[in-house]
């Protein structure tokens, strides 16, 4: 019974951690949009096109953040497949001894 409770607690903790990271990315994306819309309005009023530079750099940061959250986060598909393959290799090596 205690193993089931521990497993349930571990799953709950992992789920909360993953949701927190995803929510962090959504907040980052919202702030990115809000700030860049404001910067675009300022650039349009000044008649210059400087807004593309901060938007480009920030979009790269948002892309990297998204990749970390949605592709490489613990419990995610790509990471889990890589971990499973590595475990299988290590188990095969151990069994060969």
N, C-alpha and C. Protein backbone atom coordinates (compact mmCIF):
# COMPACT_ATOMS: atom_id res chain seq x y z
N UNK A 1 0.82 -1.19 0.00
CA UNK A 1 0.00 0.00 0.00
C UNK A 1 0.86 1.25 0.00
N UNK A 2 1.96 1.23 0.77
CA UNK A 2 2.80 2.42 0.84
C UNK A 2 3.53 2.67 -0.47
N UNK A 3 3.87 1.60 -1.22
CA UNK A 3 4.49 1.78 -2.52
C UNK A 3 3.54 2.48 -3.48
N UNK A 4 2.27 2.12 -3.43
CA UNK A 4 1.27 2.76 -4.28
C UNK A 4 1.14 4.23 -3.91
N UNK A 5 1.14 4.54 -2.63
CA UNK A 5 1.04 5.93 -2.19
C UNK A 5 2.27 6.72 -2.61
N UNK A 6 3.46 6.14 -2.47
CA UNK A 6 4.68 6.81 -2.89
C UNK A 6 4.68 7.06 -4.39
N UNK A 7 4.26 6.06 -5.15
CA UNK A 7 4.20 6.19 -6.60
C UNK A 7 3.22 7.30 -6.98
N UNK A 8 2.08 7.34 -6.32
CA UNK A 8 1.08 8.37 -6.59
C UNK A 8 1.63 9.76 -6.26
N UNK A 9 2.35 9.87 -5.14
CA UNK A 9 2.96 11.14 -4.76
C UNK A 9 4.02 11.57 -5.76
N UNK A 10 4.82 10.61 -6.23
CA UNK A 10 5.86 10.91 -7.22
C UNK A 10 5.23 11.40 -8.52
N UNK A 11 4.17 10.73 -8.95
CA UNK A 11 3.48 11.12 -10.18
C UNK A 11 2.88 12.52 -10.02
N UNK A 12 2.27 12.76 -8.87
CA UNK A 12 1.67 14.08 -8.62
C UNK A 12 2.74 15.17 -8.62
N UNK A 13 3.88 14.90 -7.98
CA UNK A 13 4.97 15.88 -7.92
C UNK A 13 5.51 16.17 -9.33
N UNK A 14 5.70 15.11 -10.12
CA UNK A 14 6.19 15.29 -11.49
C UNK A 14 5.18 16.06 -12.33
N UNK A 15 3.91 15.74 -12.18
CA UNK A 15 2.87 16.44 -12.94
C UNK A 15 2.83 17.91 -12.59
N UNK A 16 2.92 18.23 -11.31
CA UNK A 16 2.92 19.64 -10.90
C UNK A 16 4.15 20.39 -11.42
N UNK A 17 5.28 19.72 -11.40
CA UNK A 17 6.52 20.33 -11.90
C UNK A 17 6.41 20.61 -13.40
N UNK A 18 5.89 19.64 -14.15
CA UNK A 18 5.75 19.81 -15.59
C UNK A 18 4.75 20.90 -15.93
N UNK A 19 3.63 20.94 -15.21
CA UNK A 19 2.64 21.99 -15.45
C UNK A 19 3.22 23.35 -15.12
N UNK A 20 4.00 23.44 -14.06
CA UNK A 20 4.63 24.71 -13.70
C UNK A 20 5.58 25.20 -14.79
N UNK A 21 6.35 24.29 -15.36
CA UNK A 21 7.26 24.66 -16.43
C UNK A 21 6.51 25.09 -17.68
N UNK A 22 5.43 24.38 -18.01
CA UNK A 22 4.63 24.76 -19.17
C UNK A 22 3.97 26.12 -18.96
N UNK A 23 3.44 26.34 -17.77
CA UNK A 23 2.83 27.64 -17.47
C UNK A 23 3.88 28.76 -17.56
N UNK A 24 5.10 28.48 -17.13
CA UNK A 24 6.18 29.46 -17.26
C UNK A 24 6.42 29.83 -18.71
N UNK A 25 6.36 28.83 -19.61
CA UNK A 25 6.56 29.13 -21.03
C UNK A 25 5.39 29.94 -21.57
N UNK A 26 4.16 29.60 -21.16
CA UNK A 26 3.00 30.37 -21.63
C UNK A 26 3.06 31.82 -21.17
N UNK A 27 3.49 32.05 -19.93
CA UNK A 27 3.66 33.43 -19.45
C UNK A 27 4.75 34.13 -20.27
N UNK A 28 5.86 33.45 -20.53
CA UNK A 28 6.94 34.00 -21.34
C UNK A 28 6.42 34.39 -22.72
N UNK A 29 5.62 33.51 -23.34
CA UNK A 29 5.07 33.79 -24.67
C UNK A 29 4.12 34.98 -24.64
N UNK A 30 3.28 35.09 -23.60
CA UNK A 30 2.36 36.21 -23.49
C UNK A 30 3.12 37.53 -23.32
N UNK A 31 4.12 37.54 -22.46
CA UNK A 31 4.92 38.75 -22.26
C UNK A 31 5.65 39.12 -23.55
N UNK A 32 6.18 38.11 -24.25
CA UNK A 32 6.83 38.34 -25.54
C UNK A 32 5.89 39.05 -26.50
N UNK A 33 4.67 38.54 -26.63
CA UNK A 33 3.70 39.16 -27.55
C UNK A 33 3.33 40.57 -27.11
N UNK A 34 3.03 40.75 -25.84
CA UNK A 34 2.61 42.06 -25.34
C UNK A 34 3.71 43.10 -25.53
N UNK A 35 4.93 42.76 -25.15
CA UNK A 35 6.03 43.72 -25.25
C UNK A 35 6.36 44.02 -26.71
N UNK A 36 6.37 43.00 -27.55
CA UNK A 36 6.72 43.24 -28.95
C UNK A 36 5.64 43.99 -29.71
N UNK A 37 4.38 43.83 -29.32
CA UNK A 37 3.32 44.65 -29.91
C UNK A 37 3.53 46.10 -29.52
N UNK A 38 3.86 46.32 -28.25
CA UNK A 38 4.15 47.69 -27.81
C UNK A 38 5.37 48.28 -28.50
N UNK A 39 6.42 47.49 -28.64
CA UNK A 39 7.61 47.97 -29.35
C UNK A 39 7.32 48.25 -30.81
N UNK A 40 6.49 47.41 -31.42
CA UNK A 40 6.12 47.63 -32.83
C UNK A 40 5.34 48.92 -32.98
N UNK A 41 4.47 49.22 -32.02
CA UNK A 41 3.71 50.49 -32.06
C UNK A 41 4.66 51.68 -31.93
N UNK A 42 5.62 51.59 -31.01
CA UNK A 42 6.60 52.68 -30.86
C UNK A 42 7.43 52.85 -32.13
N UNK A 43 7.85 51.74 -32.71
CA UNK A 43 8.65 51.82 -33.94
C UNK A 43 7.84 52.40 -35.08
N UNK A 44 6.56 52.05 -35.17
CA UNK A 44 5.71 52.58 -36.23
C UNK A 44 5.52 54.08 -36.07
N UNK A 45 5.39 54.55 -34.82
CA UNK A 45 5.22 55.98 -34.58
C UNK A 45 6.49 56.76 -34.92
N UNK A 46 7.65 56.15 -34.73
CA UNK A 46 8.91 56.84 -35.02
C UNK A 46 9.31 56.68 -36.48
N UNK A 47 8.64 55.80 -37.21
CA UNK A 47 8.94 55.60 -38.62
C UNK A 47 10.20 54.78 -38.86
N UNK A 48 10.65 54.07 -37.86
CA UNK A 48 11.85 53.24 -38.01
C UNK A 48 11.48 51.77 -37.80
N UNK A 49 12.34 50.89 -38.27
CA UNK A 49 12.06 49.46 -38.20
C UNK A 49 13.03 48.73 -37.27
N UNK A 50 13.43 49.34 -36.20
CA UNK A 50 14.39 48.76 -35.27
C UNK A 50 13.79 47.60 -34.48
N UNK A 51 12.48 47.48 -34.46
CA UNK A 51 11.80 46.49 -33.62
C UNK A 51 12.14 45.05 -34.01
N UNK A 52 12.57 44.84 -35.25
CA UNK A 52 12.85 43.47 -35.69
C UNK A 52 14.03 42.86 -34.93
N UNK A 53 14.99 43.67 -34.51
CA UNK A 53 16.17 43.15 -33.83
C UNK A 53 15.85 42.58 -32.45
N UNK A 54 15.20 43.34 -31.55
CA UNK A 54 14.86 42.73 -30.26
C UNK A 54 13.84 41.59 -30.41
N UNK A 55 12.92 41.71 -31.36
CA UNK A 55 11.94 40.64 -31.56
C UNK A 55 12.63 39.36 -32.02
N UNK A 56 13.61 39.47 -32.89
CA UNK A 56 14.33 38.29 -33.37
C UNK A 56 15.09 37.60 -32.25
N UNK A 57 15.84 38.38 -31.50
CA UNK A 57 16.65 37.80 -30.40
C UNK A 57 15.74 37.17 -29.35
N UNK A 58 14.67 37.86 -29.00
CA UNK A 58 13.77 37.34 -27.98
C UNK A 58 13.03 36.10 -28.49
N UNK A 59 12.71 36.09 -29.79
CA UNK A 59 12.03 34.91 -30.33
C UNK A 59 12.95 33.68 -30.28
N UNK A 60 14.26 33.88 -30.47
CA UNK A 60 15.19 32.76 -30.32
C UNK A 60 15.19 32.24 -28.88
N UNK A 61 15.18 33.17 -27.92
CA UNK A 61 15.14 32.77 -26.51
C UNK A 61 13.85 32.03 -26.20
N UNK A 62 12.74 32.50 -26.75
CA UNK A 62 11.45 31.83 -26.54
C UNK A 62 11.45 30.44 -27.17
N UNK A 63 12.05 30.31 -28.34
CA UNK A 63 12.15 29.02 -29.00
C UNK A 63 12.97 28.04 -28.17
N UNK A 64 14.11 28.49 -27.66
CA UNK A 64 14.95 27.62 -26.82
C UNK A 64 14.21 27.22 -25.55
N UNK A 65 13.53 28.18 -24.94
CA UNK A 65 12.74 27.89 -23.73
C UNK A 65 11.67 26.85 -24.05
N UNK A 66 10.98 27.01 -25.17
CA UNK A 66 9.95 26.06 -25.56
C UNK A 66 10.51 24.67 -25.82
N UNK A 67 11.67 24.61 -26.45
CA UNK A 67 12.29 23.31 -26.71
C UNK A 67 12.64 22.61 -25.40
N UNK A 68 13.18 23.37 -24.46
CA UNK A 68 13.53 22.78 -23.16
C UNK A 68 12.29 22.27 -22.43
N UNK A 69 11.21 23.03 -22.52
CA UNK A 69 10.00 22.65 -21.80
C UNK A 69 9.27 21.50 -22.48
N UNK A 70 9.08 21.59 -23.79
CA UNK A 70 8.21 20.63 -24.46
C UNK A 70 8.94 19.44 -25.07
N UNK A 71 10.24 19.53 -25.28
CA UNK A 71 10.97 18.41 -25.87
C UNK A 71 11.87 17.68 -24.88
N UNK A 72 12.55 18.41 -24.02
CA UNK A 72 13.57 17.81 -23.18
C UNK A 72 13.21 17.75 -21.71
N UNK A 73 12.00 18.07 -21.37
CA UNK A 73 11.57 18.06 -19.98
C UNK A 73 11.45 16.62 -19.48
N UNK A 74 11.81 16.36 -18.22
CA UNK A 74 11.64 15.00 -17.69
C UNK A 74 10.21 14.52 -17.85
N UNK A 75 10.07 13.28 -18.29
CA UNK A 75 8.75 12.72 -18.49
C UNK A 75 8.19 12.98 -19.88
N UNK A 76 8.95 13.67 -20.69
CA UNK A 76 8.50 13.98 -22.04
C UNK A 76 8.92 12.88 -23.00
N UNK A 77 8.33 12.81 -24.14
CA UNK A 77 8.54 11.73 -25.09
C UNK A 77 9.98 11.52 -25.51
N UNK A 78 10.63 12.52 -26.05
CA UNK A 78 12.00 12.37 -26.56
C UNK A 78 12.95 11.97 -25.45
N UNK A 79 12.89 12.66 -24.34
CA UNK A 79 13.78 12.36 -23.22
C UNK A 79 13.54 10.95 -22.69
N UNK A 80 12.27 10.58 -22.54
CA UNK A 80 11.95 9.26 -22.02
C UNK A 80 12.42 8.16 -22.96
N UNK A 81 12.28 8.36 -24.26
CA UNK A 81 12.77 7.35 -25.21
C UNK A 81 14.27 7.20 -25.12
N UNK A 82 14.99 8.32 -24.99
CA UNK A 82 16.44 8.26 -24.88
C UNK A 82 16.86 7.55 -23.59
N UNK A 83 16.19 7.86 -22.48
CA UNK A 83 16.50 7.22 -21.21
C UNK A 83 16.21 5.73 -21.29
N UNK A 84 15.07 5.35 -21.90
CA UNK A 84 14.72 3.94 -22.03
C UNK A 84 15.78 3.19 -22.84
N UNK A 85 16.22 3.79 -23.97
CA UNK A 85 17.25 3.14 -24.79
C UNK A 85 18.54 2.96 -24.02
N UNK A 86 18.92 3.99 -23.26
CA UNK A 86 20.17 3.90 -22.49
C UNK A 86 20.05 2.83 -21.40
N UNK A 87 18.90 2.74 -20.75
CA UNK A 87 18.70 1.68 -19.75
C UNK A 87 18.81 0.30 -20.38
N UNK A 88 18.22 0.17 -21.58
CA UNK A 88 18.30 -1.12 -22.26
C UNK A 88 19.75 -1.47 -22.60
N UNK A 89 20.53 -0.51 -23.05
CA UNK A 89 21.94 -0.76 -23.34
C UNK A 89 22.70 -1.17 -22.09
N UNK A 90 22.48 -0.43 -21.00
CA UNK A 90 23.17 -0.75 -19.76
C UNK A 90 22.77 -2.12 -19.22
N UNK A 91 21.49 -2.44 -19.34
CA UNK A 91 21.02 -3.76 -18.90
C UNK A 91 21.65 -4.85 -19.74
N UNK A 92 21.72 -4.65 -21.05
CA UNK A 92 22.34 -5.65 -21.95
C UNK A 92 23.81 -5.82 -21.60
N UNK A 93 24.51 -4.73 -21.30
CA UNK A 93 25.93 -4.82 -20.93
C UNK A 93 26.08 -5.56 -19.61
N UNK A 94 25.20 -5.27 -18.66
CA UNK A 94 25.27 -5.92 -17.35
C UNK A 94 25.01 -7.42 -17.49
N UNK A 95 24.01 -7.77 -18.31
CA UNK A 95 23.66 -9.17 -18.50
C UNK A 95 24.76 -9.93 -19.23
N UNK A 96 25.53 -9.23 -20.06
CA UNK A 96 26.61 -9.87 -20.79
C UNK A 96 27.75 -10.31 -19.86
N UNK A 97 27.84 -9.68 -18.70
CA UNK A 97 28.91 -10.02 -17.76
C UNK A 97 28.53 -11.28 -17.09
